[in-house]
Amino acid sequence: METYEIIVRLHKDQDINNLLQDMQEHRLIVQRKVAVNLNIWLLSCNDYSAINDNVLNLLKQHPAVQMVQQNHSTILRRPSLLP
């Protein structure tokens, strides 16, 4: 089963657990805190429907959220293709 990830930046002094409680129907899971000073979190879900535009828009509208985006995979290029 593939896991889908979202990066969320909360406003200063906001708690990730409150956000998860408000969004509990989407079963988001905290993977880790990405940046302590900036209050940025990596969330995941095993259900692709949790990462669709509707959920991202709901997160953007949440009063605790400053920024949200889907996490993208990074693919390293072969060294021969680099300039």
N, C-alpha and C. Protein backbone atom coordinates (compact mmCIF):
# COMPACT_ATOMS: atom_id res chain seq x y z
N MET A 1 0.84 -1.18 0.00
CA MET A 1 0.00 0.00 0.00
C MET A 1 0.89 1.24 0.00
N GLU A 2 0.62 2.16 -0.88
CA GLU A 2 1.41 3.38 -1.00
C GLU A 2 0.96 4.40 0.04
N THR A 3 1.91 5.15 0.56
CA THR A 3 1.62 6.19 1.54
C THR A 3 1.72 7.55 0.87
N TYR A 4 0.80 8.44 1.19
CA TYR A 4 0.78 9.79 0.64
C TYR A 4 1.09 10.77 1.76
N GLU A 5 1.84 11.80 1.43
CA GLU A 5 2.32 12.72 2.45
C GLU A 5 1.93 14.17 2.17
N ILE A 6 1.75 14.90 3.26
CA ILE A 6 1.41 16.32 3.21
C ILE A 6 2.38 17.04 4.15
N ILE A 7 2.87 18.19 3.70
CA ILE A 7 3.68 19.06 4.55
C ILE A 7 2.79 20.21 5.01
N VAL A 8 2.76 20.42 6.34
CA VAL A 8 1.90 21.45 6.92
C VAL A 8 2.75 22.37 7.80
N ARG A 9 2.60 23.66 7.59
CA ARG A 9 3.22 24.64 8.50
C ARG A 9 2.10 25.28 9.31
N LEU A 10 2.22 25.14 10.62
CA LEU A 10 1.24 25.73 11.52
C LEU A 10 1.69 27.11 11.96
N HIS A 11 0.73 27.95 12.32
CA HIS A 11 1.06 29.24 12.90
C HIS A 11 1.78 29.02 14.22
N LYS A 12 2.57 29.99 14.62
CA LYS A 12 3.32 29.92 15.87
C LYS A 12 2.39 29.57 17.03
N ASP A 13 2.84 28.69 17.89
CA ASP A 13 2.12 28.28 19.10
C ASP A 13 0.86 27.45 18.83
N GLN A 14 0.68 26.96 17.61
CA GLN A 14 -0.43 26.06 17.32
C GLN A 14 0.02 24.63 17.53
N ASP A 15 -0.89 23.77 17.94
CA ASP A 15 -0.57 22.39 18.26
C ASP A 15 -1.06 21.45 17.16
N ILE A 16 -0.18 20.56 16.74
CA ILE A 16 -0.53 19.61 15.67
C ILE A 16 -1.66 18.68 16.09
N ASN A 17 -1.72 18.35 17.36
CA ASN A 17 -2.77 17.43 17.84
C ASN A 17 -4.16 18.03 17.68
N ASN A 18 -4.29 19.34 17.86
CA ASN A 18 -5.58 19.99 17.64
C ASN A 18 -6.00 19.90 16.18
N LEU A 19 -5.05 20.08 15.29
CA LEU A 19 -5.34 19.97 13.86
C LEU A 19 -5.78 18.54 13.51
N LEU A 20 -5.05 17.56 14.02
CA LEU A 20 -5.40 16.16 13.75
C LEU A 20 -6.79 15.83 14.28
N GLN A 21 -7.12 16.37 15.44
CA GLN A 21 -8.45 16.13 16.00
C GLN A 21 -9.54 16.73 15.11
N ASP A 22 -9.30 17.95 14.63
CA ASP A 22 -10.27 18.60 13.74
C ASP A 22 -10.42 17.89 12.41
N MET A 23 -9.36 17.23 11.96
CA MET A 23 -9.35 16.55 10.67
C MET A 23 -9.41 15.03 10.81
N GLN A 24 -9.91 14.54 11.92
CA GLN A 24 -9.84 13.11 12.22
C GLN A 24 -10.51 12.22 11.20
N GLU A 25 -11.52 12.71 10.49
CA GLU A 25 -12.20 11.87 9.50
C GLU A 25 -11.29 11.53 8.32
N HIS A 26 -10.18 12.25 8.18
CA HIS A 26 -9.25 11.99 7.09
C HIS A 26 -8.07 11.12 7.51
N ARG A 27 -8.04 10.74 8.77
CA ARG A 27 -7.04 9.79 9.32
C ARG A 27 -5.60 10.17 8.97
N LEU A 28 -5.26 11.41 9.20
CA LEU A 28 -3.88 11.86 8.97
C LEU A 28 -3.00 11.40 10.13
N ILE A 29 -1.75 11.07 9.82
CA ILE A 29 -0.81 10.55 10.80
C ILE A 29 0.44 11.43 10.78
N VAL A 30 0.93 11.80 11.95
CA VAL A 30 2.18 12.56 12.02
C VAL A 30 3.35 11.62 11.77
N GLN A 31 4.18 11.95 10.79
CA GLN A 31 5.41 11.20 10.53
C GLN A 31 6.57 11.77 11.34
N ARG A 32 6.70 13.10 11.27
CA ARG A 32 7.75 13.76 12.05
C ARG A 32 7.60 15.27 11.96
N LYS A 33 8.26 15.96 12.87
CA LYS A 33 8.34 17.41 12.81
C LYS A 33 9.53 17.75 11.94
N VAL A 34 9.30 18.46 10.86
CA VAL A 34 10.34 18.74 9.87
C VAL A 34 11.22 19.91 10.32
N ALA A 35 10.61 20.96 10.86
CA ALA A 35 11.36 22.14 11.29
C ALA A 35 10.77 22.63 12.61
N VAL A 36 11.54 22.48 13.67
CA VAL A 36 11.07 22.81 15.02
C VAL A 36 10.70 24.29 15.12
N ASN A 37 11.60 25.17 14.75
CA ASN A 37 11.37 26.61 14.90
C ASN A 37 10.25 27.14 14.02
N LEU A 38 9.99 26.47 12.90
CA LEU A 38 8.97 26.94 11.96
C LEU A 38 7.64 26.22 12.12
N ASN A 39 7.58 25.22 13.01
CA ASN A 39 6.36 24.46 13.26
C ASN A 39 5.84 23.78 11.98
N ILE A 40 6.77 23.11 11.27
CA ILE A 40 6.43 22.41 10.03
C ILE A 40 6.42 20.91 10.30
N TRP A 41 5.36 20.25 9.83
CA TRP A 41 5.14 18.84 10.10
C TRP A 41 4.95 18.07 8.80
N LEU A 42 5.39 16.81 8.83
CA LEU A 42 5.13 15.88 7.73
C LEU A 42 4.04 14.94 8.18
N LEU A 43 2.92 14.95 7.47
CA LEU A 43 1.79 14.08 7.77
C LEU A 43 1.66 13.05 6.66
N SER A 44 1.04 11.93 6.99
CA SER A 44 0.83 10.91 5.96
C SER A 44 -0.54 10.28 6.13
N CYS A 45 -0.90 9.53 5.09
CA CYS A 45 -2.15 8.79 5.09
C CYS A 45 -2.02 7.66 4.08
N ASN A 46 -2.64 6.54 4.39
CA ASN A 46 -2.63 5.40 3.46
C ASN A 46 -3.77 5.46 2.46
N ASP A 47 -4.60 6.48 2.57
CA ASP A 47 -5.77 6.63 1.73
C ASP A 47 -5.57 7.81 0.79
N TYR A 48 -5.51 7.56 -0.51
CA TYR A 48 -5.25 8.64 -1.46
C TYR A 48 -6.29 9.74 -1.38
N SER A 49 -7.52 9.40 -1.01
CA SER A 49 -8.56 10.43 -0.94
C SER A 49 -8.23 11.51 0.08
N ALA A 50 -7.36 11.22 1.04
CA ALA A 50 -6.99 12.22 2.03
C ALA A 50 -6.07 13.28 1.44
N ILE A 51 -5.49 13.02 0.29
CA ILE A 51 -4.54 13.96 -0.30
C ILE A 51 -5.16 14.71 -1.48
N ASN A 52 -6.40 14.46 -1.76
CA ASN A 52 -7.01 15.15 -2.89
C ASN A 52 -7.15 16.65 -2.61
N ASP A 53 -7.50 17.40 -3.60
CA ASP A 53 -7.57 18.86 -3.47
C ASP A 53 -8.53 19.31 -2.39
N ASN A 54 -9.60 18.58 -2.15
CA ASN A 54 -10.56 18.98 -1.14
C ASN A 54 -9.94 19.01 0.25
N VAL A 55 -9.16 18.00 0.59
CA VAL A 55 -8.53 17.96 1.91
C VAL A 55 -7.44 19.01 2.01
N LEU A 56 -6.68 19.20 0.94
CA LEU A 56 -5.67 20.25 0.96
C LEU A 56 -6.33 21.61 1.15
N ASN A 57 -7.46 21.83 0.50
CA ASN A 57 -8.18 23.10 0.67
C ASN A 57 -8.74 23.23 2.08
N LEU A 58 -9.24 22.15 2.64
CA LEU A 58 -9.72 22.19 4.03
C LEU A 58 -8.59 22.55 4.99
N LEU A 59 -7.42 21.97 4.76
CA LEU A 59 -6.28 22.29 5.60
C LEU A 59 -5.86 23.75 5.43
N LYS A 60 -5.87 24.25 4.21
CA LYS A 60 -5.51 25.65 3.96
C LYS A 60 -6.44 26.61 4.69
N GLN A 61 -7.69 26.21 4.84
CA GLN A 61 -8.69 27.07 5.48
C GLN A 61 -8.70 26.94 7.00
N HIS A 62 -8.00 25.95 7.53
CA HIS A 62 -7.98 25.75 8.98
C HIS A 62 -7.25 26.91 9.64
N PRO A 63 -7.78 27.47 10.73
CA PRO A 63 -7.16 28.63 11.35
C PRO A 63 -5.75 28.39 11.91
N ALA A 64 -5.39 27.15 12.18
CA ALA A 64 -4.06 26.85 12.72
C ALA A 64 -3.00 26.75 11.64
N VAL A 65 -3.43 26.61 10.38
CA VAL A 65 -2.51 26.31 9.27
C VAL A 65 -2.07 27.58 8.57
N GLN A 66 -0.76 27.70 8.39
CA GLN A 66 -0.19 28.82 7.64
C GLN A 66 0.06 28.43 6.19
N MET A 67 0.52 27.17 5.96
CA MET A 67 0.85 26.70 4.61
C MET A 67 0.65 25.19 4.57
N VAL A 68 0.25 24.69 3.41
CA VAL A 68 0.11 23.25 3.23
C VAL A 68 0.41 22.89 1.78
N GLN A 69 1.05 21.75 1.58
CA GLN A 69 1.28 21.26 0.22
C GLN A 69 1.47 19.75 0.27
N GLN A 70 1.21 19.13 -0.86
CA GLN A 70 1.48 17.70 -0.97
C GLN A 70 2.99 17.51 -1.07
N ASN A 71 3.51 16.53 -0.35
CA ASN A 71 4.93 16.23 -0.44
C ASN A 71 5.19 15.50 -1.76
N HIS A 72 6.27 15.87 -2.43
CA HIS A 72 6.62 15.28 -3.71
C HIS A 72 7.87 14.43 -3.57
N SER A 73 7.92 13.34 -4.28
CA SER A 73 9.11 12.49 -4.29
C SER A 73 10.21 13.16 -5.10
N THR A 74 11.42 12.97 -4.65
CA THR A 74 12.57 13.50 -5.37
C THR A 74 13.32 12.34 -6.00
N ILE A 75 13.62 12.48 -7.28
CA ILE A 75 14.35 11.43 -8.00
C ILE A 75 15.70 12.01 -8.41
N LEU A 76 16.75 11.35 -7.99
CA LEU A 76 18.09 11.79 -8.37
C LEU A 76 18.36 11.38 -9.81
N ARG A 77 18.98 12.29 -10.53
CA ARG A 77 19.34 11.99 -11.92
C ARG A 77 20.69 11.29 -11.96
N ARG A 78 20.87 10.53 -13.00
CA ARG A 78 22.18 9.90 -13.18
C ARG A 78 23.24 10.98 -13.36
N PRO A 79 24.41 10.82 -12.79
CA PRO A 79 25.45 11.84 -12.91
C PRO A 79 25.77 12.21 -14.36
N SER A 80 25.63 11.28 -15.27
CA SER A 80 25.97 11.56 -16.68
C SER A 80 24.98 12.56 -17.31
N LEU A 81 23.82 12.74 -16.71
CA LEU A 81 22.84 13.66 -17.25
C LEU A 81 22.98 15.06 -16.68
N LEU A 82 23.80 15.22 -15.66
CA LEU A 82 24.00 16.53 -15.05
C LEU A 82 25.04 17.32 -15.82
N PRO A 83 24.87 18.64 -15.88
CA PRO A 83 25.86 19.45 -16.62
C PRO A 83 27.21 19.48 -15.92
